C-alpha cells in the first residue's frame, strides 16, 4: 500500500492534468452537434490505455459511437478482470447555472472537498471514475505487480441508454470473456465511510406527446371551448400519483418485492442525517411514498418522475396562445423483478386510457434496463470489501443505489459474470446537474484502492 501511495503522490499533478485535458472535450452523446467531440474522446481514451500498458488496444466500430477496447494478458491461467466505463457525458444544460464553464475544468475547494474538486461536466460521471482505472493499470504495469489479466471496454453511449452495447457484447463474447466485471460509475456514503453498491434500480424512459387542435389557437377566441394540451398533460401527470404518492398505473406494483423488516433495519444502519440531507438540498422537508424512509424511497422502491415538460410559448414577454401540442419526458426507476419493457407497456396503456376526448396521446419509449442485485458473499464483493478496508481503514457498508446502469443486467445475461461496483463519488457531486465535480481526494483514493481489488480478487480466486 505504501508503494501505491508513493506512486500516486509522485504523479499526482500529472494524473490531475491528464484528467483535466480529457474533461475539456465535450463528448455529449445526446447531441449530434458534438459527434466529432465524442469520437475525439474515444481516440484520447484509446491513447491513454496504450500509454498505461495495454498490449492491445482498438476502436471497435458499432452502429453508434465506437467502443474502446484494451487488454493486458499476463497468464491465461490467472483470473481476468473486465473494466467497464463510459467516455460520453450528459448535456451541460442549463449553462447559466454553472459557476464556471462546463468544459473548462477548474479546481475549487469546498466544505466536503478541502483538498479541492474538479468542476466540469463528466468529472465524476464517468470520465474521472473511468480514468482512475487507467491510472491504476499504469501503476501496476510500471511497478511489475499486475496480479492477473485485465480487459477494458469503454463505451460512448451510456448517457443515451447504451443502444450499441448489447449489439457489441453479443458479437464479442469470446473477446470479453472474464471472471468478474469492475465498474466505477456509482458513489459511496462519504470520504470517511466507504460503501459498495450492491443493487441498482432498473429504468423505463418514455416521452409523451399530447395533441389537441390542428394548430396553435388564440387563447381569447378559443380558450374554454377547446381542450388545451398543456392543461390536459398537467392533469394527466398529476393523476399518476395518489395522495400517498403511490403510483396509480394498474399492475405497476404487481412484481415489487416487499423487503422484510429485518432487511430494512439493516439498511437503516447506514449513516444518514435527514437534517443534513435537507440542508444540502436547501429544502424544508422531504417528499415521497408514504410509510417509507428517504433512503428506502430512493433505493428499494420504484418511482415515476417527470424529467422535462414543454409546450406553447416560452420566450420573452407574452403570447396568448393555446398550443397544439404538449410534451413531457418521464422516467420510471424500477426494482428487481419489474421488467422494464412490461412497465413501459403498462404506462403506455394507462396514459393513453386516461386521456380525455379532444386530445390524442402518443407515447415513445426511449430506453430502459433491468434492475440488478449482486450477492455480498461473492469473491468479487469480498475482494472489494478488503480493498476498501485496507485503503480507508474502515469496513465498507453494502448499499443499494437509486440509480440505474442498465448494462449491468445485460452483462450477467450475456457474459455470465457478476459485476462489482466500486464507486468513489459522493451524492453531492452534482452528476447530471450544473456544477458537477469530483474531489481530488476521491480521484486519487480510487487510484490507490483499485490495485488492491486486483490483488485480493486474484488471491481469493485460487
Protein backbone atom coordinates (compact mmCIF):
# COMPACT_ATOMS: atom_id res chain seq x y z
CA UNK A 1 0.00 0.00 0.00
CA UNK A 2 2.86 2.39 0.76
CA UNK A 3 4.18 1.77 -2.75
CA UNK A 4 0.94 2.84 -4.45
CA UNK A 5 0.63 5.83 -2.12
CA UNK A 6 4.13 6.93 -3.07
CA UNK A 7 3.44 6.44 -6.79
CA UNK A 8 0.23 8.48 -6.63
CA UNK A 9 1.96 11.18 -4.60
CA UNK A 10 4.81 11.45 -7.11
CA UNK A 11 2.45 11.57 -10.10
CA UNK A 12 -0.45 13.49 -8.55
CA UNK A 13 -0.15 16.61 -10.69
CA UNK A 14 0.18 14.62 -13.90
CA UNK A 15 -2.83 12.47 -13.05
CA UNK A 16 -4.93 15.58 -12.41
CA UNK A 17 -3.75 17.38 -15.54
CA UNK A 18 -4.41 14.36 -17.75
CA UNK A 19 -7.98 14.14 -16.45
CA UNK A 20 -8.49 17.86 -16.96
CA UNK A 21 -7.44 17.54 -20.62
CA UNK A 22 -9.95 14.70 -21.08
CA UNK A 23 -12.71 16.76 -19.45
CA UNK A 24 -12.14 19.62 -21.88
CA UNK A 25 -13.57 17.54 -24.74
CA UNK A 26 -17.39 17.97 -24.82
CA UNK A 27 -18.33 14.34 -25.51
CA UNK A 28 -22.12 14.85 -25.29
CA UNK A 29 -23.59 11.73 -26.88
CA UNK A 30 -27.18 13.02 -26.78
CA UNK A 31 -26.46 15.94 -29.13
CA UNK A 32 -25.29 15.24 -32.68
CA UNK A 33 -23.59 18.66 -32.72
CA UNK A 34 -20.89 17.08 -30.54
CA UNK A 35 -20.45 13.89 -32.57
CA UNK A 36 -16.86 14.65 -33.57
CA UNK A 37 -16.01 15.50 -29.97
CA UNK A 38 -17.35 12.12 -28.86
CA UNK A 39 -15.14 10.39 -31.43
CA UNK A 40 -12.16 12.53 -30.39
CA UNK A 41 -12.69 11.44 -26.80
CA UNK A 42 -12.66 7.80 -27.84
CA UNK A 43 -9.30 8.41 -29.51
CA UNK A 44 -7.98 10.05 -26.35
CA UNK A 45 -9.10 7.12 -24.17
CA UNK A 46 -7.51 4.67 -26.57
CA UNK A 47 -4.20 6.56 -26.39
CA UNK A 48 -4.33 6.61 -22.59
CA UNK A 49 -4.88 2.84 -22.38
CA UNK A 50 -1.95 2.23 -24.68
CA UNK A 51 0.27 4.54 -22.64
CA UNK A 52 -0.85 2.86 -19.40
CA UNK A 53 0.43 -0.51 -20.58
CA UNK A 54 -2.24 -2.37 -22.52
CA UNK A 55 -0.65 -4.79 -25.01
CA UNK A 56 -3.55 -4.47 -27.40
CA UNK A 57 -5.94 -1.53 -27.92
CA UNK A 58 -8.50 -0.88 -30.62
CA UNK A 59 -11.52 1.21 -31.54
CA UNK A 60 -14.37 -1.22 -32.13
CA UNK A 61 -16.96 0.12 -34.53
CA UNK A 62 -20.64 -0.21 -33.62
CA UNK A 63 -23.89 1.09 -35.14
CA UNK A 64 -23.26 4.16 -32.99
CA UNK A 65 -20.17 5.53 -31.31
CA UNK A 66 -17.07 3.30 -31.08
CA UNK A 67 -16.18 1.18 -28.07
CA UNK A 68 -12.62 1.48 -26.82
CA UNK A 69 -11.19 -1.95 -26.10
CA UNK A 70 -7.88 -2.73 -24.45
CA UNK A 71 -6.26 -5.72 -22.78
CA UNK A 72 -3.20 -6.76 -20.83
CA UNK A 73 -2.81 -10.53 -20.65
CA UNK A 74 -0.03 -11.92 -18.46
CA UNK A 75 -1.08 -15.55 -17.92
CA UNK A 76 -4.14 -17.42 -19.22
CA UNK A 77 -4.21 -19.46 -16.01
CA UNK A 78 -4.87 -16.31 -13.95
CA UNK A 79 -8.25 -14.58 -13.49
CA UNK A 80 -9.38 -11.87 -15.90
CA UNK A 81 -11.00 -8.63 -14.74
CA UNK A 82 -13.12 -6.71 -17.26
CA UNK A 83 -13.29 -2.98 -16.54
CA UNK A 84 -16.32 -1.15 -17.91
CA UNK A 85 -16.75 2.61 -18.10
CA UNK A 86 -18.05 5.30 -20.44
CA UNK A 87 -16.45 8.33 -22.03
CA UNK A 88 -19.63 10.17 -23.02
CA UNK A 89 -21.23 12.80 -20.79
CA UNK A 90 -24.61 14.39 -20.14
CA UNK A 91 -25.58 17.68 -21.82
CA UNK A 92 -24.42 20.65 -19.76
CA UNK A 93 -27.77 22.49 -19.83
CA UNK A 94 -28.78 24.75 -18.22
CA UNK A 95 -25.49 26.52 -18.91
CA UNK A 96 -26.44 29.66 -16.98
CA UNK A 97 -26.49 27.72 -13.68
CA UNK A 98 -22.81 26.73 -13.93
CA UNK A 99 -20.44 28.81 -11.85
CA UNK A 100 -17.68 28.04 -14.34
CA UNK A 101 -17.88 26.82 -17.96
CA UNK A 102 -18.72 23.08 -18.02
CA UNK A 103 -15.93 22.17 -20.42
CA UNK A 104 -13.28 24.45 -18.93
CA UNK A 105 -12.34 22.42 -15.83
CA UNK A 106 -11.33 24.30 -12.71
CA UNK A 107 -10.29 23.13 -9.25
CA UNK A 108 -12.17 24.68 -6.33
CA UNK A 109 -12.12 23.94 -2.62
CA UNK A 110 -15.45 23.11 -0.96
CA UNK A 111 -16.60 22.15 2.52
CA UNK A 112 -16.65 18.46 1.57
CA UNK A 113 -13.52 18.74 -0.58
CA UNK A 114 -10.93 20.78 1.34
CA UNK A 115 -8.23 19.40 -0.99
CA UNK A 116 -10.20 20.70 -3.95
CA UNK A 117 -12.56 19.24 -6.52
CA UNK A 118 -12.50 19.34 -10.31
CA UNK A 119 -15.60 21.14 -11.59
CA UNK A 120 -16.55 20.06 -15.13
CA UNK A 121 -19.16 18.03 -16.95
CA UNK A 122 -18.14 14.38 -16.72
CA UNK A 123 -15.73 14.95 -13.81
CA UNK A 124 -17.42 12.25 -11.73
CA UNK A 125 -19.79 10.66 -14.26
CA UNK A 126 -17.84 8.95 -15.62
CA UNK A 127 -14.58 10.30 -17.02
CA UNK A 128 -12.96 10.82 -13.63
CA UNK A 129 -14.01 7.44 -12.27
CA UNK A 130 -13.18 5.64 -15.52
CA UNK A 131 -9.75 7.27 -15.67
CA UNK A 132 -8.90 6.03 -12.16
CA UNK A 133 -8.77 2.53 -13.66
CA UNK A 134 -6.43 3.64 -16.42
CA UNK A 135 -4.02 5.14 -13.90
CA UNK A 136 -4.33 2.11 -11.60
CA UNK A 137 -3.25 -0.08 -14.51
CA UNK A 138 -0.34 2.27 -15.20
CA UNK A 139 0.84 1.87 -11.62
CA UNK A 140 0.59 -1.93 -11.68
CA UNK A 141 2.39 -2.24 -15.01
CA UNK A 142 5.12 0.27 -14.13
CA UNK A 143 5.80 -1.46 -10.81
CA UNK A 144 5.51 -5.01 -12.12
CA UNK A 145 2.75 -6.04 -9.74
CA UNK A 146 -0.24 -6.64 -12.01
CA UNK A 147 -1.50 -9.92 -10.46
CA UNK A 148 -3.94 -11.02 -13.18
CA UNK A 149 -5.23 -10.29 -16.67
CA UNK A 150 -7.28 -7.19 -17.41
CA UNK A 151 -9.58 -6.05 -20.21
CA UNK A 152 -11.15 -2.64 -20.76
CA UNK A 153 -14.43 -1.89 -22.50
CA UNK A 154 -15.15 1.86 -22.50
CA UNK A 155 -18.25 2.96 -24.43
CA UNK A 156 -19.57 6.28 -25.71
CA UNK A 157 -23.34 5.89 -25.44
CA UNK A 158 -24.09 5.21 -21.76
CA UNK A 159 -25.82 8.54 -21.26
CA UNK A 160 -28.29 7.73 -24.05
CA UNK A 161 -29.08 4.19 -22.93
CA UNK A 162 -26.15 2.24 -24.45
CA UNK A 163 -28.05 1.32 -27.64
CA UNK A 164 -24.98 -0.22 -29.32
CA UNK A 165 -23.55 -2.04 -26.33
CA UNK A 166 -25.84 -5.08 -26.47
CA UNK A 167 -25.03 -5.40 -30.18
CA UNK A 168 -21.32 -5.34 -29.37
CA UNK A 169 -21.43 -7.69 -26.38
CA UNK A 170 -23.49 -10.30 -28.23
CA UNK A 171 -20.94 -10.37 -31.06
CA UNK A 172 -17.79 -10.36 -28.92
CA UNK A 173 -18.38 -12.82 -26.10
CA UNK A 174 -15.05 -14.59 -26.57
CA UNK A 175 -13.16 -11.29 -26.65
CA UNK A 176 -14.92 -10.13 -23.47
CA UNK A 177 -14.66 -13.40 -21.53
CA UNK A 178 -13.84 -12.63 -17.90
CA UNK A 179 -14.13 -13.75 -14.29
CA UNK A 180 -15.58 -10.53 -12.88
CA UNK A 181 -16.67 -7.12 -14.19
CA UNK A 182 -15.49 -4.00 -12.39
CA UNK A 183 -17.32 -0.67 -12.69
CA UNK A 184 -16.79 2.72 -11.06
CA UNK A 185 -19.92 4.65 -12.02
CA UNK A 186 -21.50 4.82 -8.57
CA UNK A 187 -20.76 6.57 -5.30
CA UNK A 188 -20.01 5.95 -1.64
CA UNK A 189 -21.50 7.21 1.61
CA UNK A 190 -18.69 9.63 2.50
CA UNK A 191 -14.94 10.11 2.37
CA UNK A 192 -14.65 8.55 5.81
CA UNK A 193 -17.25 5.78 5.37
CA UNK A 194 -16.85 3.88 2.09
CA UNK A 195 -19.64 1.74 0.72
CA UNK A 196 -20.15 -0.75 -2.07
CA UNK A 197 -23.20 -0.57 -4.29
CA UNK A 198 -24.88 -3.98 -4.31
CA UNK A 199 -28.11 -3.06 -6.08
CA UNK A 200 -29.23 -0.83 -8.93
CA UNK A 201 -32.73 0.10 -9.96
CA UNK A 202 -34.00 -0.58 -13.45
CA UNK A 203 -35.26 2.13 -15.79
CA UNK A 204 -38.06 2.82 -18.22
CA UNK A 205 -37.72 6.17 -20.01
CA UNK A 206 -40.50 7.48 -22.24
CA UNK A 207 -41.57 10.65 -23.99
CA UNK A 208 -45.24 11.59 -24.19
CA UNK A 209 -46.96 13.87 -26.69
CA UNK A 210 -50.48 15.26 -26.24
CA UNK A 211 -52.08 16.78 -29.33
CA UNK A 212 -55.24 18.90 -29.37
CA UNK A 213 -56.28 21.24 -32.21
CA UNK A 214 -54.56 21.12 -35.57
CA UNK A 215 -52.78 24.43 -34.94
CA UNK A 216 -51.94 26.88 -32.16
CA UNK A 217 -55.05 28.91 -31.24
CA UNK A 218 -55.78 32.39 -29.88
CA UNK A 219 -56.45 31.86 -26.16
CA UNK A 220 -59.12 34.54 -26.12
CA UNK A 221 -61.11 33.29 -29.08
CA UNK A 222 -60.80 29.59 -28.23
CA UNK A 223 -59.94 29.45 -24.51
CA UNK A 224 -62.51 27.48 -22.51
CA UNK A 225 -64.01 25.88 -25.60
CA UNK A 226 -61.15 23.68 -26.82
CA UNK A 227 -59.01 21.23 -24.83
CA UNK A 228 -55.67 22.82 -24.01
CA UNK A 229 -52.98 20.11 -24.42
CA UNK A 230 -50.74 21.69 -21.78
CA UNK A 231 -53.54 21.80 -19.21
CA UNK A 232 -54.54 18.25 -20.07
CA UNK A 233 -50.96 16.96 -19.86
CA UNK A 234 -50.53 18.60 -16.44
CA UNK A 235 -53.71 16.90 -15.15
CA UNK A 236 -52.70 13.53 -16.59
CA UNK A 237 -49.27 13.71 -14.98
CA UNK A 238 -50.75 14.80 -11.65
CA UNK A 239 -53.02 11.75 -11.75
CA UNK A 240 -50.06 9.35 -11.96
CA UNK A 241 -49.66 9.58 -8.15
CA UNK A 242 -52.31 9.35 -5.43
CA UNK A 243 -52.47 11.24 -2.13
CA UNK A 244 -49.83 8.90 -0.64
CA UNK A 245 -47.51 9.39 -3.62
CA UNK A 246 -48.26 5.85 -4.71
CA UNK A 247 -48.07 5.33 -8.49
CA UNK A 248 -51.55 4.76 -9.91
CA UNK A 249 -50.71 2.73 -13.03
CA UNK A 250 -52.65 -0.57 -12.80
CA UNK A 251 -50.27 -3.51 -12.34
CA UNK A 252 -47.24 -1.29 -11.64
CA UNK A 253 -46.52 -2.86 -8.23
CA UNK A 254 -47.51 -6.44 -9.06
CA UNK A 255 -43.91 -7.73 -9.06
CA UNK A 256 -42.42 -5.36 -6.49
CA UNK A 257 -40.80 -7.31 -3.67
CA UNK A 258 -41.53 -6.10 -0.15
CA UNK A 259 -38.33 -6.33 1.85
CA UNK A 260 -38.58 -7.83 5.32
CA UNK A 261 -38.46 -5.69 8.42
CA UNK A 262 -35.09 -7.25 9.21
CA UNK A 263 -33.63 -6.22 5.84
CA UNK A 264 -34.99 -2.70 6.20
CA UNK A 265 -33.49 -2.46 9.67
CA UNK A 266 -30.08 -3.49 8.27
CA UNK A 267 -30.32 -0.79 5.61
CA UNK A 268 -31.14 1.75 8.31
CA UNK A 269 -27.74 1.17 9.93
CA UNK A 270 -26.03 3.16 7.18
CA UNK A 271 -25.06 6.64 8.44
CA UNK A 272 -27.69 9.17 7.38
CA UNK A 273 -28.76 12.57 8.70
CA UNK A 274 -32.13 13.78 7.46
CA UNK A 275 -31.34 17.31 8.62
CA UNK A 276 -28.04 17.34 6.70
CA UNK A 277 -29.82 15.89 3.66
CA UNK A 278 -32.41 18.68 3.68
CA UNK A 279 -29.78 21.33 4.31
CA UNK A 280 -27.65 20.12 1.39
CA UNK A 281 -30.64 20.41 -0.95
CA UNK A 282 -31.98 23.61 0.64
CA UNK A 283 -35.45 22.13 1.16
CA UNK A 284 -37.84 22.38 4.11
CA UNK A 285 -38.92 18.77 4.03
CA UNK A 286 -38.59 15.54 2.09
CA UNK A 287 -41.35 14.17 -0.12
CA UNK A 288 -42.28 10.71 -1.31
CA UNK A 289 -44.17 7.48 -0.91
CA UNK A 290 -45.88 7.18 2.47
CA UNK A 291 -44.57 4.72 5.11
CA UNK A 292 -41.05 4.56 3.64
CA UNK A 293 -37.90 6.37 4.75
CA UNK A 294 -35.89 8.64 2.48
CA UNK A 295 -33.19 6.01 1.89
CA UNK A 296 -35.84 3.39 1.12
CA UNK A 297 -37.68 5.66 -1.29
CA UNK A 298 -34.54 6.27 -3.32
CA UNK A 299 -33.27 2.71 -3.44
CA UNK A 300 -35.71 -0.17 -2.85
CA UNK A 301 -38.94 1.45 -4.10
CA UNK A 302 -39.94 2.19 -7.70
CA UNK A 303 -40.57 5.77 -8.75
CA UNK A 304 -42.06 7.87 -11.54
CA UNK A 305 -40.72 11.34 -12.28
CA UNK A 306 -41.17 13.98 -14.96
CA UNK A 307 -37.74 14.92 -16.30
CA UNK A 308 -38.87 17.64 -18.66
CA UNK A 309 -42.12 19.29 -19.80
CA UNK A 310 -42.75 21.83 -22.53
CA UNK A 311 -45.25 23.28 -25.00
CA UNK A 312 -46.62 26.61 -26.16
CA UNK A 313 -44.78 29.90 -25.90
CA UNK A 314 -41.79 30.10 -23.55
CA UNK A 315 -39.97 33.11 -24.98
CA UNK A 316 -39.63 36.58 -23.54
CA UNK A 317 -42.79 38.58 -22.98
CA UNK A 318 -46.35 37.34 -23.56
CA UNK A 319 -48.05 35.43 -26.32
CA UNK A 320 -51.65 34.43 -25.69
CA UNK A 321 -51.80 31.04 -27.32
CA UNK A 322 -53.29 27.60 -26.79
CA UNK A 323 -50.59 25.26 -28.06
CA UNK A 324 -51.48 22.48 -30.45
CA UNK A 325 -49.11 20.09 -28.65
CA UNK A 326 -47.57 19.50 -25.25
CA UNK A 327 -44.71 17.17 -24.37
CA UNK A 328 -43.04 15.57 -21.37
CA UNK A 329 -40.19 13.17 -20.70
CA UNK A 330 -40.86 10.67 -17.93
CA UNK A 331 -38.56 8.19 -16.21
CA UNK A 332 -39.58 5.28 -14.02
CA UNK A 333 -36.96 3.73 -11.73
CA UNK A 334 -37.69 0.07 -11.16
CA UNK A 335 -36.76 -2.57 -8.59
CA UNK A 336 -35.79 -6.23 -9.08
CA UNK A 337 -38.46 -8.40 -10.79
CA UNK A 338 -40.01 -5.40 -12.54
CA UNK A 339 -39.37 -5.85 -16.25
CA UNK A 340 -38.73 -2.50 -17.91
CA UNK A 341 -40.43 -3.41 -21.20
CA UNK A 342 -43.51 -4.65 -19.34
CA UNK A 343 -43.65 -1.46 -17.27
CA UNK A 344 -43.33 0.60 -20.45
CA UNK A 345 -46.36 -1.23 -21.88
CA UNK A 346 -48.36 -0.70 -18.68
CA UNK A 347 -47.53 3.00 -18.70
CA UNK A 348 -48.45 3.37 -22.38
CA UNK A 349 -51.79 1.61 -21.93
CA UNK A 350 -52.70 3.61 -18.83
CA UNK A 351 -51.56 7.01 -20.07
CA UNK A 352 -53.46 6.58 -23.31
CA UNK A 353 -56.58 5.43 -21.45
CA UNK A 354 -56.76 8.44 -19.11
CA UNK A 355 -56.64 10.99 -21.94
CA UNK A 356 -59.98 12.82 -22.34
CA UNK A 357 -61.76 13.20 -25.64
CA UNK A 358 -60.48 16.18 -27.55
CA UNK A 359 -56.81 15.16 -27.44
CA UNK A 360 -54.72 12.29 -28.73
CA UNK A 361 -51.73 10.78 -26.96
CA UNK A 362 -48.51 9.32 -28.31
CA UNK A 363 -46.01 7.51 -26.05
CA UNK A 364 -42.49 6.98 -27.41
CA UNK A 365 -40.18 4.66 -25.43
CA UNK A 366 -36.58 5.87 -25.41
CA UNK A 367 -34.56 3.31 -23.47
CA UNK A 368 -34.59 1.13 -20.39
CA UNK A 369 -32.91 -1.61 -18.46
CA UNK A 370 -33.40 -4.16 -15.72
CA UNK A 371 -32.59 -3.78 -12.03
CA UNK A 372 -29.61 -5.65 -10.61
CA UNK A 373 -28.53 -7.05 -7.24
CA UNK A 374 -25.10 -8.57 -6.61
CA UNK A 375 -24.56 -11.01 -3.70
CA UNK A 376 -22.29 -9.91 -0.87
CA UNK A 377 -20.93 -13.46 -0.42
CA UNK A 378 -19.25 -13.47 -3.85
CA UNK A 379 -15.48 -13.44 -4.29
CA UNK A 380 -15.75 -10.14 -6.12
CA UNK A 381 -17.59 -8.41 -3.29
CA UNK A 382 -15.23 -9.83 -0.67
CA UNK A 383 -12.21 -8.61 -2.66
CA UNK A 384 -13.73 -5.13 -2.98
CA UNK A 385 -14.54 -5.04 0.73
CA UNK A 386 -10.95 -5.95 1.66
CA UNK A 387 -9.60 -3.34 -0.76
CA UNK A 388 -11.73 -0.54 0.71
CA UNK A 389 -10.95 -1.59 4.28
CA UNK A 390 -7.20 -1.53 3.66
CA UNK A 391 -7.32 1.76 1.78
CA UNK A 392 -9.73 3.67 4.07
CA UNK A 393 -9.06 1.88 7.35
CA UNK A 394 -12.73 1.01 7.87
CA UNK A 395 -15.06 -1.70 6.55
CA UNK A 396 -17.33 -0.62 3.69
CA UNK A 397 -21.12 -0.85 4.02
CA UNK A 398 -23.18 -2.59 1.31
CA UNK A 399 -25.85 -0.25 -0.06
CA UNK A 400 -28.45 -0.28 -2.81
CA UNK A 401 -28.35 2.64 -5.19
CA UNK A 402 -31.31 4.51 -6.58
CA UNK A 403 -29.53 4.93 -9.91
CA UNK A 404 -29.58 2.71 -12.95
CA UNK A 405 -26.83 1.17 -15.05
CA UNK A 406 -28.94 -0.89 -17.46
CA UNK A 407 -25.99 -2.71 -18.98
CA UNK A 408 -25.12 -4.50 -15.71
CA UNK A 409 -28.03 -6.92 -16.10
CA UNK A 410 -27.05 -7.33 -19.76
CA UNK A 411 -23.52 -8.33 -18.75
CA UNK A 412 -24.76 -11.07 -16.45
CA UNK A 413 -27.12 -12.39 -19.11
CA UNK A 414 -24.61 -12.40 -21.98
CA UNK A 415 -21.23 -12.83 -20.26
CA UNK A 416 -22.40 -14.84 -17.20
CA UNK A 417 -20.33 -12.59 -14.94
CA UNK A 418 -21.04 -10.80 -11.69
CA UNK A 419 -20.43 -7.08 -11.56
CA UNK A 420 -18.72 -5.26 -8.70
CA UNK A 421 -19.47 -1.55 -8.40
CA UNK A 422 -16.60 0.29 -6.74
CA UNK A 423 -17.70 3.92 -6.79
CA UNK A 424 -15.74 6.80 -5.29
CA UNK A 425 -18.06 9.74 -5.94
CA UNK A 426 -20.35 11.44 -3.42
CA UNK A 427 -24.07 12.20 -3.64
CA UNK A 428 -23.17 15.88 -3.55
CA UNK A 429 -21.06 15.72 -6.72
CA UNK A 430 -23.97 17.04 -8.82
CA UNK A 431 -23.78 14.45 -11.58
CA UNK A 432 -26.24 15.22 -14.40
CA UNK A 433 -26.58 18.73 -12.91
CA UNK A 434 -24.84 22.07 -13.28
CA UNK A 435 -21.53 22.31 -11.41
CA UNK A 436 -20.74 18.60 -11.50
CA UNK A 437 -17.48 17.93 -9.69
CA UNK A 438 -15.20 15.17 -8.40
CA UNK A 439 -12.99 15.50 -5.34
CA UNK A 440 -9.23 15.33 -5.80
CA UNK A 441 -9.15 13.09 -2.70
CA UNK A 442 -11.74 10.76 -4.26
CA UNK A 443 -9.96 10.59 -7.60
CA UNK A 444 -6.57 9.77 -6.09
CA UNK A 445 -8.08 7.44 -3.47
CA UNK A 446 -9.71 5.47 -6.26
CA UNK A 447 -6.36 5.02 -7.98
CA UNK A 448 -4.91 3.80 -4.67
CA UNK A 449 -7.75 1.36 -3.94
CA UNK A 450 -8.33 -0.31 -7.31
CA UNK A 451 -4.99 -2.23 -7.41
CA UNK A 452 -5.92 -3.75 -4.04
CA UNK A 453 -9.05 -5.20 -5.62
CA UNK A 454 -6.87 -6.90 -8.26
CA UNK A 455 -4.63 -8.27 -5.51
CA UNK A 456 -7.41 -9.68 -3.35
CA UNK A 457 -9.55 -10.96 -6.22
CA UNK A 458 -6.58 -12.93 -7.53
CA UNK A 459 -5.77 -14.32 -4.08
CA UNK A 460 -9.40 -15.30 -3.34
CA UNK A 461 -9.78 -16.95 -6.76
CA UNK A 462 -7.05 -19.55 -6.07
